[in-house]
Protein backbone atom coordinates (compact mmCIF):
# COMPACT_ATOMS: atom_id res chain seq x y z
CA MET A 1 3.72 -13.09 2.77
CA LYS A 2 7.51 -13.00 3.35
CA LEU A 3 8.17 -10.74 6.28
CA GLY A 4 11.17 -9.01 6.81
CA ILE A 5 12.63 -8.34 10.87
CA ILE A 6 15.17 -5.99 11.75
CA GLY A 7 16.46 -5.58 15.10
CA ALA A 8 19.61 -3.29 15.87
CA MET A 9 21.69 -5.46 17.99
CA LYS A 10 22.66 -9.26 19.22
CA VAL A 11 20.50 -9.18 21.69
CA GLU A 12 17.53 -8.53 20.07
CA MET A 13 17.79 -11.13 17.03
CA ASP A 14 18.93 -14.25 18.15
CA GLY A 15 16.01 -15.68 19.78
CA LEU A 16 14.34 -15.35 16.61
CA LYS A 17 16.87 -16.18 14.55
CA ALA A 18 16.78 -19.53 16.93
CA ALA A 19 13.50 -20.33 16.26
CA MET A 20 14.14 -20.15 11.81
CA THR A 21 13.93 -23.32 9.71
CA GLU A 22 15.28 -24.33 6.45
CA THR A 23 17.44 -21.64 6.74
CA GLN A 24 20.36 -19.98 4.14
CA SER A 25 22.75 -16.91 5.24
CA VAL A 26 24.18 -14.51 3.24
CA THR A 27 26.33 -11.04 4.06
CA TYR A 28 25.96 -7.93 2.47
CA SER A 29 27.91 -4.53 3.04
CA GLY A 30 28.68 -6.65 6.44
CA VAL A 31 24.99 -7.65 7.63
CA GLU A 32 24.10 -11.29 8.13
CA TYR A 33 20.54 -11.87 6.29
CA ILE A 34 19.47 -15.14 7.30
CA SER A 35 16.40 -16.34 5.42
CA GLY A 36 14.20 -19.49 6.60
CA LYS A 37 10.82 -20.46 8.06
CA ILE A 38 9.18 -19.75 11.24
CA GLY A 39 5.45 -21.81 11.53
CA GLY A 40 5.94 -21.84 7.46
CA VAL A 41 6.05 -18.08 7.07
CA GLU A 42 9.15 -17.10 4.83
CA VAL A 43 11.00 -14.65 6.96
CA VAL A 44 14.13 -12.78 6.24
CA ALA A 45 15.85 -12.10 9.69
CA ALA A 46 19.26 -9.09 10.43
CA MET A 47 20.91 -7.47 13.25
CA SER A 48 21.26 -4.48 11.31
CA GLY A 49 23.51 -1.93 13.21
CA VAL A 50 22.76 0.38 15.69
CA GLY A 51 21.72 4.08 14.18
CA LYS A 52 19.86 5.40 11.45
CA VAL A 53 22.27 4.72 8.41
CA PHE A 54 22.63 0.76 9.17
CA ALA A 55 19.09 0.61 9.90
CA ALA A 56 18.27 2.69 6.28
CA VAL A 57 20.98 0.21 4.69
CA CYS A 58 19.74 -2.95 6.27
CA ALA A 59 16.26 -2.43 5.43
CA GLN A 60 16.80 -1.51 1.63
CA THR A 61 19.27 -4.35 1.15
CA MET A 62 15.95 -6.51 2.46
CA ILE A 63 13.73 -5.01 0.19
CA MET A 64 15.91 -5.20 -2.58
CA LYS A 65 17.65 -8.17 -2.50
CA PHE A 66 14.64 -10.13 -1.35
CA GLY A 67 11.89 -8.86 -2.56
CA ILE A 68 9.97 -8.82 1.53
CA ASP A 69 6.34 -8.30 1.62
CA ALA A 70 6.29 -6.07 4.59
CA MET A 71 9.16 -4.95 7.17
CA VAL A 72 8.62 -5.24 11.05
CA ASN A 73 11.20 -3.80 13.31
CA ILE A 74 11.48 -5.04 16.70
CA GLY A 75 13.67 -4.42 19.24
CA VAL A 76 13.96 -2.17 23.22
CA GLY A 77 13.81 1.72 23.35
CA GLY A 78 13.51 4.42 26.25
CA THR A 79 10.25 5.52 27.72
CA LEU A 80 8.46 8.74 26.64
CA THR A 81 5.16 9.11 28.70
CA SER A 82 4.11 8.09 32.17
CA GLU A 83 1.90 5.72 30.49
CA LEU A 84 5.19 3.54 29.91
CA ASN A 85 7.24 1.25 32.80
CA VAL A 86 9.96 -0.86 32.17
CA LEU A 87 8.75 -3.92 29.93
CA ASP A 88 6.00 -2.42 28.79
CA VAL A 89 5.11 -2.27 24.82
CA ALA A 90 5.23 0.37 22.72
CA VAL A 91 3.90 -0.11 19.10
CA ALA A 92 3.80 2.91 16.59
CA ASN A 93 1.14 4.17 14.36
CA GLY A 94 3.46 6.74 13.02
CA VAL A 95 7.48 7.21 13.68
CA ILE A 96 9.67 10.63 13.06
CA GLN A 97 13.06 11.36 13.89
CA HIS A 98 13.61 13.85 16.76
CA ASP A 99 17.39 14.71 14.91
CA MET A 100 16.16 16.07 11.81
CA ASP A 101 16.40 19.41 11.63
CA THR A 102 16.35 22.15 8.38
CA SER A 103 14.09 24.80 10.28
CA ALA A 104 16.99 27.13 9.44
CA VAL A 105 15.70 27.17 6.26
CA GLY A 106 12.18 27.50 7.41
CA ASP A 107 10.98 24.52 7.60
CA PRO A 108 8.98 22.29 10.80
CA VAL A 109 11.69 20.63 13.08
CA GLY A 110 11.59 17.12 11.99
CA LEU A 111 10.06 17.65 7.94
CA ILE A 112 11.78 15.15 6.10
CA SER A 113 13.24 16.66 2.87
CA GLY A 114 11.81 14.95 -0.77
CA ILE A 115 9.08 13.45 0.99
CA ASN A 116 8.21 16.60 3.30
CA ILE A 117 6.68 15.02 6.27
CA ILE A 118 7.26 14.40 9.33
CA THR A 119 5.57 11.24 10.47
CA VAL A 120 5.63 8.47 8.62
CA PRO A 121 2.99 6.45 9.14
CA ALA A 122 3.56 2.90 10.06
CA ASP A 123 0.87 0.22 8.28
CA GLU A 124 -2.00 0.37 10.54
CA LYS A 125 -3.29 -3.57 9.90
CA LEU A 126 0.73 -4.30 10.96
CA SER A 127 0.33 -2.23 13.94
CA ALA A 128 -2.86 -3.63 15.04
CA LEU A 129 -2.48 -6.81 14.76
CA LEU A 130 1.57 -6.26 16.82
CA ALA A 131 -0.50 -4.31 19.53
CA ASP A 132 -3.23 -7.39 20.05
CA CYS A 133 -0.34 -10.01 19.78
CA VAL A 134 1.26 -7.89 23.19
CA ARG A 135 -2.03 -7.38 25.12
CA GLU A 136 -2.87 -11.34 24.44
CA MET A 137 0.43 -11.99 26.12
CA GLY A 138 -0.44 -10.14 29.28
CA SER A 139 1.91 -7.44 28.63
CA LYS A 140 0.33 -3.55 28.61
CA CYS A 141 0.71 -1.35 25.16
CA VAL A 142 0.34 1.86 24.31
CA VAL A 143 0.25 2.86 20.28
CA GLY A 144 1.67 5.81 19.31
CA THR A 145 4.25 7.85 17.58
CA ILE A 146 7.54 6.80 18.32
CA ALA A 147 11.16 9.05 17.62
CA SER A 148 14.53 8.10 16.30
CA GLY A 149 17.57 9.76 16.80
CA ASP A 150 21.12 8.83 16.64
CA GLN A 151 21.75 8.73 20.10
CA PHE A 152 20.95 6.90 23.40
CA VAL A 153 18.00 9.41 24.77
CA ALA A 154 18.25 9.01 28.67
CA GLY A 155 18.25 12.08 30.80
CA LYS A 156 15.16 14.48 31.47
CA GLU A 157 16.19 17.55 29.62
CA LYS A 158 17.00 15.99 26.20
CA LYS A 159 13.60 13.42 26.68
CA ASP A 160 11.80 17.04 27.53
CA GLU A 161 12.94 18.67 24.38
CA ILE A 162 11.74 16.17 22.36
CA ARG A 163 8.50 15.35 24.22
CA SER A 164 8.11 19.18 23.79
CA LYS A 165 8.91 19.24 20.17
CA PHE A 166 6.69 15.95 18.90
CA ASP A 167 3.90 14.14 20.51
CA VAL A 168 5.59 11.09 20.72
CA ILE A 169 5.86 7.85 23.48
CA ALA A 170 8.98 5.94 22.89
CA ALA A 171 12.54 7.44 22.23
CA GLU A 172 14.87 4.84 20.08
CA MET A 173 17.66 4.60 17.10
CA GLU A 174 16.32 2.69 14.29
CA GLY A 175 12.73 2.85 13.38
CA GLY A 176 12.38 6.43 11.75
CA ALA A 177 15.03 5.11 9.32
CA ILE A 178 13.39 1.98 8.36
CA GLY A 179 10.40 3.73 8.25
CA GLN A 180 11.17 5.95 5.90
CA VAL A 181 12.98 3.68 3.31
CA CYS A 182 9.86 1.66 3.36
CA TYR A 183 7.82 4.66 2.72
CA ILE A 184 9.80 5.53 -0.46
CA ASN A 185 9.42 1.63 -1.54
CA ASN A 186 5.79 1.15 -1.06
CA VAL A 187 6.38 -1.32 1.49
CA PRO A 188 4.17 -1.80 4.79
CA PHE A 189 6.39 -1.66 8.26
CA ALA A 190 5.56 -1.86 11.43
CA ILE A 191 7.83 -0.96 14.36
CA LEU A 192 7.53 -2.27 18.19
CA ARG A 193 9.93 -1.34 20.72
CA THR A 194 10.05 -2.66 24.50
CA ILE A 195 10.95 -0.51 27.31
CA SER A 196 14.30 -1.10 28.18
CA ASP A 197 14.74 2.13 30.32
CA GLY A 198 12.53 4.81 32.03
CA GLU A 199 13.61 7.82 34.49
CA GLY A 200 17.02 6.00 35.20
CA GLY A 201 17.99 5.97 31.59
CA GLY A 202 21.33 4.11 31.11
CA MET A 203 21.19 2.05 34.71
CA ASP A 204 17.59 0.65 33.81
CA TYR A 205 18.71 -0.20 30.33
CA ALA A 206 21.23 -2.10 31.55
CA GLN A 207 19.62 -3.91 33.96
CA PHE A 208 16.78 -4.74 31.82
CA VAL A 209 17.69 -4.77 28.07
CA VAL A 210 18.17 -8.65 28.12
CA LYS A 211 14.44 -8.92 29.35
CA ALA A 212 13.03 -6.06 27.04
CA ALA A 213 14.20 -7.62 24.08
CA GLU A 214 12.62 -11.23 25.24
CA VAL A 215 9.33 -9.93 24.94
CA SER A 216 10.10 -8.18 21.83
CA ILE A 217 10.91 -11.66 20.48
CA ALA A 218 8.32 -13.42 21.80
CA VAL A 219 5.53 -10.54 20.64
CA VAL A 220 7.09 -10.76 17.22
CA LYS A 221 6.81 -15.07 17.04
CA LYS A 222 2.98 -14.73 18.02
CA PHE A 223 2.78 -11.81 15.26
CA ILE A 224 4.01 -14.64 12.80
CA GLY A 225 2.18 -16.91 13.87
CA ARG A 226 -1.00 -14.75 13.10
CA VAL A 227 0.24 -13.07 9.93
CA GLY A 228 -2.18 -15.34 8.04
CA GLU A 229 -5.11 -13.04 9.64
CA LEU A 230 -3.42 -10.21 7.78
C-alpha cells in the first residue's frame, strides 16, 4: 500500500518527514511532496497549506501524480464536544463542510452539490485502525463526524451554530475538502485531529499546538507500522 499523508502546517509534518528514508522530493503548485518509506511502507507526505482549497489541490495532486492507494489527513483541531479536551484525539467516521450552504435554493445546509451528500464517509478500516493506535498509546479517542470550514472556529457562538446544524465532534479547516476529493476519486481516506484548542480557543491553540501535533505524528507513525494488518 502506498499512503498519502497530508498535514496543513509545518508543525504537523516535520516529525513525520524526519522518519522517512529513501526520500525524493518534487514540487507541484508550490507544495513539496516527499516520497519515501517508513518502516518499509511507501509514503508520500506533504504540507498542503491551511484551508480547503490548498487541501483539495494537495489531495488531487497526490492521487494523480503519485497513485496513492489511501489517504490520511493528520493535524490539530478544536473540540466541539465535552467528550474531547486538549490533547485528546478525534478520528472521523465522516466529514462535513460547515460553510457549504446553498439552502437559499432549497438544499439542506452542508449539501455538496454534484455528489449530493452532506457527510462524506471515511473508510471504516483505516479509521478503526487509527482509533486503535490512539488508544494503544494511552490517549483518549472519540470517533465521530469532523467539521471543516475556511475559518478558525474559536468562539462559543460559532461553535454553538455549527453544533446546532450538525452532529460533530471537532472543527478544523482541511478534512472536508480532502474527504470530498478522495470520495470523487474512489480513494479510501481517514482523518485524525488532536485537540489543540478547547473552550480557550486561540489561547489554547498557542499553548498546545506543538504538543498536539506531536501526538498526531506519533499516532500516524504507529498506524503506518500496522497498516499491513488491513
